[in-house]
C-alpha atoms as a PDB file:
ATOM      1  CA  MET A   1       0.000   0.000   0.000  1.00  0.00           C
ATOM      2  CA  SER A   2       1.169   3.452  -0.908  1.00  0.00           C
ATOM      3  CA  LYS A   3       2.054   5.859   1.930  1.00  0.00           C
ATOM      4  CA  LYS A   4       0.744   9.225   0.740  1.00  0.00           C
ATOM      5  CA  ASN A   5      -0.825  11.744   3.123  1.00  0.00           C
ATOM      6  CA  ASN A   6      -4.255  10.230   2.514  1.00  0.00           C
ATOM      7  CA  PHE A   7      -5.989   7.729   4.738  1.00  0.00           C
ATOM      8  CA  VAL A   8      -8.376   4.801   4.716  1.00  0.00           C
ATOM      9  CA  VAL A   9     -11.935   4.996   6.050  1.00  0.00           C
ATOM     10  CA  ILE A  10     -13.419   1.641   7.025  1.00  0.00           C
ATOM     11  CA  ILE A  11     -17.164   1.116   7.277  1.00  0.00           C
ATOM     12  CA  SER A  12     -18.009  -2.235   8.853  1.00  0.00           C
ATOM     13  CA  GLY A  13     -20.686  -3.986  10.862  1.00  0.00           C
ATOM     14  CA  PRO A  14     -23.186  -6.809  10.502  1.00  0.00           C
ATOM     15  CA  SER A  15     -25.063  -7.490   7.292  1.00  0.00           C
ATOM     16  CA  GLY A  16     -28.223  -5.389   7.042  1.00  0.00           C
ATOM     17  CA  VAL A  17     -27.137  -2.384   9.139  1.00  0.00           C
ATOM     18  CA  GLY A  18     -27.025  -0.018   6.157  1.00  0.00           C
ATOM     19  CA  LYS A  19     -23.306   0.013   5.320  1.00  0.00           C
ATOM     20  CA  GLY A  20     -23.905   0.156   1.564  1.00  0.00           C
ATOM     21  CA  THR A  21     -26.451   2.953   1.772  1.00  0.00           C
ATOM     22  CA  ILE A  22     -24.205   5.000   4.069  1.00  0.00           C
ATOM     23  CA  ARG A  23     -21.257   4.406   1.745  1.00  0.00           C
ATOM     24  CA  LYS A  24     -23.224   5.611  -1.297  1.00  0.00           C
ATOM     25  CA  LYS A  25     -24.145   8.854   0.478  1.00  0.00           C
ATOM     26  CA  LEU A  26     -20.635   9.493   1.854  1.00  0.00           C
ATOM     27  CA  ILE A  27     -18.984   9.035  -1.529  1.00  0.00           C
ATOM     28  CA  ASN A  28     -21.047  11.957  -2.886  1.00  0.00           C
ATOM     29  CA  ILE A  29     -19.743  14.435  -0.278  1.00  0.00           C
ATOM     30  CA  LYS A  30     -16.951  16.114  -2.266  1.00  0.00           C
ATOM     31  CA  GLU A  31     -15.201  17.660   0.765  1.00  0.00           C
ATOM     32  CA  LEU A  32     -14.369  14.185   2.064  1.00  0.00           C
ATOM     33  CA  ASN A  33     -12.270  13.392  -1.039  1.00  0.00           C
ATOM     34  CA  LEU A  34     -13.321   9.744  -0.900  1.00  0.00           C
ATOM     35  CA  GLY A  35     -12.687   7.093  -3.489  1.00  0.00           C
ATOM     36  CA  PHE A  36     -14.586   3.836  -3.009  1.00  0.00           C
ATOM     37  CA  SER A  37     -12.599   0.642  -3.262  1.00  0.00           C
ATOM     38  CA  VAL A  38     -15.065  -1.641  -5.015  1.00  0.00           C
ATOM     39  CA  SER A  39     -14.800  -5.119  -3.482  1.00  0.00           C
ATOM     40  CA  TYR A  40     -14.811  -8.442  -5.280  1.00  0.00           C
ATOM     41  CA  THR A  41     -17.414 -11.068  -4.404  1.00  0.00           C
ATOM     42  CA  THR A  42     -18.589 -14.485  -5.501  1.00  0.00           C
ATOM     43  CA  ARG A  43     -22.172 -13.907  -4.358  1.00  0.00           C
ATOM     44  CA  LYS A  44     -25.015 -13.392  -6.800  1.00  0.00           C
ATOM     45  CA  ILE A  45     -25.899  -9.884  -7.847  1.00  0.00           C
ATOM     46  CA  ARG A  46     -28.921  -8.349  -6.101  1.00  0.00           C
ATOM     47  CA  LYS A  47     -31.627  -6.286  -7.722  1.00  0.00           C
ATOM     48  CA  ASN A  48     -30.461  -2.658  -8.231  1.00  0.00           C
ATOM     49  CA  GLU A  49     -26.741  -3.527  -7.909  1.00  0.00           C
ATOM     50  CA  ILE A  50     -24.391  -2.454 -10.678  1.00  0.00           C
ATOM     51  CA  PRO A  51     -21.311  -4.572 -11.508  1.00  0.00           C
ATOM     52  CA  GLY A  52     -18.124  -2.522 -11.086  1.00  0.00           C
ATOM     53  CA  VAL A  53     -19.955   0.046  -8.947  1.00  0.00           C
ATOM     54  CA  ASP A  54     -21.312  -2.006  -6.041  1.00  0.00           C
ATOM     55  CA  TYR A  55     -19.060  -5.055  -6.458  1.00  0.00           C
ATOM     56  CA  TYR A  56     -16.965  -6.854  -9.013  1.00  0.00           C
ATOM     57  CA  PHE A  57     -18.917 -10.108  -9.348  1.00  0.00           C
ATOM     58  CA  VAL A  58     -16.590 -13.027 -10.118  1.00  0.00           C
ATOM     59  CA  ASP A  59     -16.765 -16.789  -9.997  1.00  0.00           C
ATOM     60  CA  ARG A  60     -15.252 -18.810  -7.160  1.00  0.00           C
ATOM     61  CA  LYS A  61     -12.342 -20.101  -9.245  1.00  0.00           C
ATOM     62  CA  SER A  62     -11.235 -16.579 -10.243  1.00  0.00           C
ATOM     63  CA  PHE A  63     -11.447 -15.407  -6.641  1.00  0.00           C
ATOM     64  CA  GLU A  64      -9.414 -18.358  -5.366  1.00  0.00           C
ATOM     65  CA  ASN A  65      -6.760 -17.720  -8.052  1.00  0.00           C
ATOM     66  CA  ALA A  66      -6.500 -14.102  -6.824  1.00  0.00           C
ATOM     67  CA  ILE A  67      -6.056 -15.400  -3.238  1.00  0.00           C
ATOM     68  CA  ARG A  68      -3.217 -17.664  -4.364  1.00  0.00           C
ATOM     69  CA  ASN A  69      -1.611 -14.726  -6.187  1.00  0.00           C
ATOM     70  CA  ASN A  70      -1.799 -12.546  -3.025  1.00  0.00           C
ATOM     71  CA  GLU A  71      -3.905  -9.920  -4.819  1.00  0.00           C
ATOM     72  CA  PHE A  72      -6.141  -9.055  -1.842  1.00  0.00           C
ATOM     73  CA  LEU A  73      -5.505  -6.638   0.992  1.00  0.00           C
ATOM     74  CA  GLU A  74      -8.201  -8.577   2.836  1.00  0.00           C
ATOM     75  CA  TYR A  75     -10.712 -11.276   2.057  1.00  0.00           C
ATOM     76  CA  ALA A  76     -13.178 -13.423   3.918  1.00  0.00           C
ATOM     77  CA  GLU A  77     -15.701 -16.121   3.260  1.00  0.00           C
ATOM     78  CA  PHE A  78     -19.099 -15.100   4.581  1.00  0.00           C
ATOM     79  CA  VAL A  79     -22.275 -17.221   4.446  1.00  0.00           C
ATOM     80  CA  GLY A  80     -20.861 -19.282   1.589  1.00  0.00           C
ATOM     81  CA  ASN A  81     -19.433 -16.456  -0.540  1.00  0.00           C
ATOM     82  CA  TYR A  82     -16.060 -14.748  -0.765  1.00  0.00           C
ATOM     83  CA  TYR A  83     -15.597 -10.979  -0.398  1.00  0.00           C
ATOM     84  CA  GLY A  84     -12.286  -9.191  -0.871  1.00  0.00           C
ATOM     85  CA  THR A  85     -10.471  -5.886  -1.324  1.00  0.00           C
ATOM     86  CA  SER A  86      -7.957  -5.649  -4.161  1.00  0.00           C
ATOM     87  CA  LYS A  87      -4.540  -4.226  -3.206  1.00  0.00           C
ATOM     88  CA  ARG A  88      -4.293  -2.728  -6.697  1.00  0.00           C
ATOM     89  CA  VAL A  89      -7.590  -0.826  -6.407  1.00  0.00           C
ATOM     90  CA  VAL A  90      -6.581   0.655  -3.025  1.00  0.00           C
ATOM     91  CA  ASP A  91      -3.118   1.631  -4.301  1.00  0.00           C
ATOM     92  CA  ASP A  92      -4.638   3.258  -7.408  1.00  0.00           C
ATOM     93  CA  LEU A  93      -6.964   5.409  -5.272  1.00  0.00           C
ATOM     94  CA  LEU A  94      -4.172   6.414  -2.874  1.00  0.00           C
ATOM     95  CA  SER A  95      -1.908   7.328  -5.802  1.00  0.00           C
ATOM     96  CA  LYS A  96      -4.698   9.634  -7.041  1.00  0.00           C
ATOM     97  CA  GLU A  97      -4.545  11.310  -3.592  1.00  0.00           C
ATOM     98  CA  LYS A  98      -7.964  10.053  -2.586  1.00  0.00           C
ATOM     99  CA  ASN A  99      -9.020   8.965   0.898  1.00  0.00           C
ATOM    100  CA  VAL A 100     -10.000   5.353   0.389  1.00  0.00           C
ATOM    101  CA  LEU A 101     -13.406   4.154   1.573  1.00  0.00           C
ATOM    102  CA  LEU A 102     -13.639   0.440   2.354  1.00  0.00           C
ATOM    103  CA  GLU A 103     -16.947  -1.254   3.127  1.00  0.00           C
ATOM    104  CA  ILE A 104     -15.811  -4.562   4.579  1.00  0.00           C
ATOM    105  CA  GLU A 105     -16.737  -7.377   6.951  1.00  0.00           C
ATOM    106  CA  ILE A 106     -15.237  -7.739  10.446  1.00  0.00           C
ATOM    107  CA  GLU A 107     -12.756 -10.424   9.338  1.00  0.00           C
ATOM    108  CA  GLY A 108     -11.574  -8.087   6.605  1.00  0.00           C
ATOM    109  CA  PHE A 109     -11.196  -5.268   9.114  1.00  0.00           C
ATOM    110  CA  LYS A 110      -8.920  -7.452  11.260  1.00  0.00           C
ATOM    111  CA  GLN A 111      -6.758  -8.295   8.241  1.00  0.00           C
ATOM    112  CA  VAL A 112      -6.473  -4.671   7.117  1.00  0.00           C
ATOM    113  CA  MET A 113      -5.435  -3.598  10.616  1.00  0.00           C
ATOM    114  CA  LYS A 114      -2.634  -6.194  10.542  1.00  0.00           C
ATOM    115  CA  LYS A 115      -1.459  -5.111   7.057  1.00  0.00           C
ATOM    116  CA  SER A 116      -1.985  -1.350   7.345  1.00  0.00           C
ATOM    117  CA  ASP A 117       1.750  -0.727   6.974  1.00  0.00           C
ATOM    118  CA  GLY A 118       1.795   2.892   8.153  1.00  0.00           C
ATOM    119  CA  ILE A 119      -1.472   3.922   6.505  1.00  0.00           C
ATOM    120  CA  ASP A 120      -3.764   5.969   8.726  1.00  0.00           C
ATOM    121  CA  ILE A 121      -7.102   4.267   9.270  1.00  0.00           C
ATOM    122  CA  LEU A 122     -10.329   5.787  10.555  1.00  0.00           C
ATOM    123  CA  SER A 123     -12.835   3.034  11.363  1.00  0.00           C
ATOM    124  CA  PHE A 124     -16.597   3.008  11.932  1.00  0.00           C
ATOM    125  CA  PHE A 125     -18.673   0.123  13.252  1.00  0.00           C
ATOM    126  CA  ILE A 126     -22.293   0.479  12.096  1.00  0.00           C
ATOM    127  CA  MET A 127     -25.082  -1.220  14.004  1.00  0.00           C
ATOM    128  CA  THR A 128     -28.855  -1.145  14.406  1.00  0.00           C
ATOM    129  CA  PRO A 129     -30.533  -0.152  17.694  1.00  0.00           C
ATOM    130  CA  ASN A 130     -31.322  -3.852  18.381  1.00  0.00           C
ATOM    131  CA  LEU A 131     -31.358  -7.321  16.791  1.00  0.00           C
ATOM    132  CA  ASP A 132     -35.088  -7.226  16.016  1.00  0.00           C
ATOM    133  CA  GLU A 133     -34.493  -4.174  13.827  1.00  0.00           C
ATOM    134  CA  LEU A 134     -31.582  -5.940  12.139  1.00  0.00           C
ATOM    135  CA  LYS A 135     -33.730  -9.024  11.451  1.00  0.00           C
ATOM    136  CA  SER A 136     -36.435  -6.800   9.957  1.00  0.00           C
ATOM    137  CA  ARG A 137     -33.942  -5.022   7.655  1.00  0.00           C
ATOM    138  CA  ILE A 138     -32.435  -8.281   6.405  1.00  0.00           C
ATOM    139  CA  ARG A 139     -35.887  -9.714   5.657  1.00  0.00           C
ATOM    140  CA  LYS A 140     -36.983  -6.531   3.813  1.00  0.00           C
ATOM    141  CA  ARG A 141     -34.216  -7.100   1.281  1.00  0.00           C
ATOM    142  CA  SER A 142     -36.034 -10.298   0.199  1.00  0.00           C
ATOM    143  CA  SER A 143     -32.824 -11.486  -1.421  1.00  0.00           C
ATOM    144  CA  GLU A 144     -32.036 -14.394   0.901  1.00  0.00           C
ATOM    145  CA  ASP A 145     -33.741 -17.529   2.151  1.00  0.00           C
ATOM    146  CA  GLU A 146     -34.611 -18.092   5.839  1.00  0.00           C
ATOM    147  CA  LYS A 147     -31.497 -20.198   6.491  1.00  0.00           C
ATOM    148  CA  THR A 148     -29.247 -17.387   5.228  1.00  0.00           C
ATOM    149  CA  VAL A 149     -31.154 -14.823   7.325  1.00  0.00           C
ATOM    150  CA  LYS A 150     -30.583 -16.971  10.439  1.00  0.00           C
ATOM    151  CA  ASN A 151     -26.880 -17.370   9.571  1.00  0.00           C
ATOM    152  CA  ARG A 152     -26.533 -13.604   9.166  1.00  0.00           C
ATOM    153  CA  LEU A 153     -28.215 -12.960  12.534  1.00  0.00           C
ATOM    154  CA  PHE A 154     -26.002 -15.504  14.301  1.00  0.00           C
ATOM    155  CA  ARG A 155     -22.957 -13.922  12.687  1.00  0.00           C
ATOM    156  CA  ALA A 156     -24.167 -10.425  13.665  1.00  0.00           C
ATOM    157  CA  LYS A 157     -24.238 -11.387  17.351  1.00  0.00           C
ATOM    158  CA  GLU A 158     -20.603 -12.479  17.091  1.00  0.00           C
ATOM    159  CA  GLU A 159     -19.557  -9.366  15.141  1.00  0.00           C
ATOM    160  CA  ILE A 160     -21.151  -6.963  17.617  1.00  0.00           C
ATOM    161  CA  LYS A 161     -18.762  -8.305  20.277  1.00  0.00           C
ATOM    162  CA  TYR A 162     -15.921  -6.777  18.226  1.00  0.00           C
ATOM    163  CA  LYS A 163     -17.362  -3.230  18.017  1.00  0.00           C
ATOM    164  CA  ASN A 164     -15.007  -1.695  20.593  1.00  0.00           C
ATOM    165  CA  ASN A 165     -12.026  -2.310  18.288  1.00  0.00           C
ATOM    166  CA  PHE A 166     -13.250   0.489  16.000  1.00  0.00           C
ATOM    167  CA  ASN A 167     -12.585   4.209  16.374  1.00  0.00           C
ATOM    168  CA  TYR A 168     -16.312   5.007  16.331  1.00  0.00           C
ATOM    169  CA  ILE A 169     -19.578   3.113  16.873  1.00  0.00           C
ATOM    170  CA  ILE A 170     -22.528   4.525  14.923  1.00  0.00           C
ATOM    171  CA  VAL A 171     -26.054   3.317  15.719  1.00  0.00           C
ATOM    172  CA  ASN A 172     -27.861   3.691  12.399  1.00  0.00           C
ATOM    173  CA  ASN A 173     -31.311   4.616  13.649  1.00  0.00           C
ATOM    174  CA  ASN A 174     -31.717   7.461  11.150  1.00  0.00           C
ATOM    175  CA  LEU A 175     -29.801   7.278   7.876  1.00  0.00           C
ATOM    176  CA  ASP A 176     -29.235  11.013   7.368  1.00  0.00           C
ATOM    177  CA  ASP A 177     -28.121  11.495  10.983  1.00  0.00           C
ATOM    178  CA  SER A 178     -25.670   8.593  10.677  1.00  0.00           C
ATOM    179  CA  VAL A 179     -24.219   9.913   7.416  1.00  0.00           C
ATOM    180  CA  ASN A 180     -23.885  13.425   8.869  1.00  0.00           C
ATOM    181  CA  LYS A 181     -22.116  12.116  12.008  1.00  0.00           C
ATOM    182  CA  ILE A 182     -19.628  10.093   9.966  1.00  0.00           C
ATOM    183  CA  ALA A 183     -19.026  12.936   7.490  1.00  0.00           C
ATOM    184  CA  HIS A 184     -18.410  15.379  10.355  1.00  0.00           C
ATOM    185  CA  ILE A 185     -15.871  13.019  11.973  1.00  0.00           C
ATOM    186  CA  ILE A 186     -14.066  12.538   8.640  1.00  0.00           C
ATOM    187  CA  GLN A 187     -13.985  16.312   8.029  1.00  0.00           C
ATOM    188  CA  GLU A 188     -12.516  16.884  11.497  1.00  0.00           C
ATOM    189  CA  TYR A 189      -9.925  14.184  10.821  1.00  0.00           C
ATOM    190  CA  ILE A 190      -8.949  15.817   7.515  1.00  0.00           C
ATOM    191  CA  ALA A 191      -8.632  19.216   9.264  1.00  0.00           C
ATOM    192  CA  SER A 192      -6.450  17.715  12.018  1.00  0.00           C
ATOM    193  CA  ARG A 193      -4.004  16.377   9.408  1.00  0.00           C
ATOM    194  CA  ASN A 194      -3.470  19.726   7.647  1.00  0.00           C
END
């Protein structure tokens, strides 16, 4: 990873907490100078997702070849699918003097923290007010069967235990409030570095 004066912003938390929606709003705030590192995944595309914008959708064999070739900054297998962040994509954004926005799972967060190699990282753990709300949000997506929903909820309980390892915990009760809080923290961080 390149060591310019820019930094990495990590958005993480259980599935269904609104990470993707928050990320889409943050990326449009010009003052934050964010570039989104589009992750690779082997999962099926969901309705309204755009390949190359939301994810790079690849088959399992291609993903496993990239693992063998050490092409990922982080990767994890989650409910039967791989997700990963390309080192090349992150380096390209840093070389363009962008602050890099990563939307990653907890396992990925742990790997990035181990490999950060002098890069400044500002991390946010996103969560819902309670598990019932999380269950409701996952079901509203209507993109997964009941077994997958249960797996995601079990995994969420485990991930929430890790929240205190992040710089900030954001309870996403109101989308605009959450986005504004995160944007304000990032702006203060940028100002503190100048």
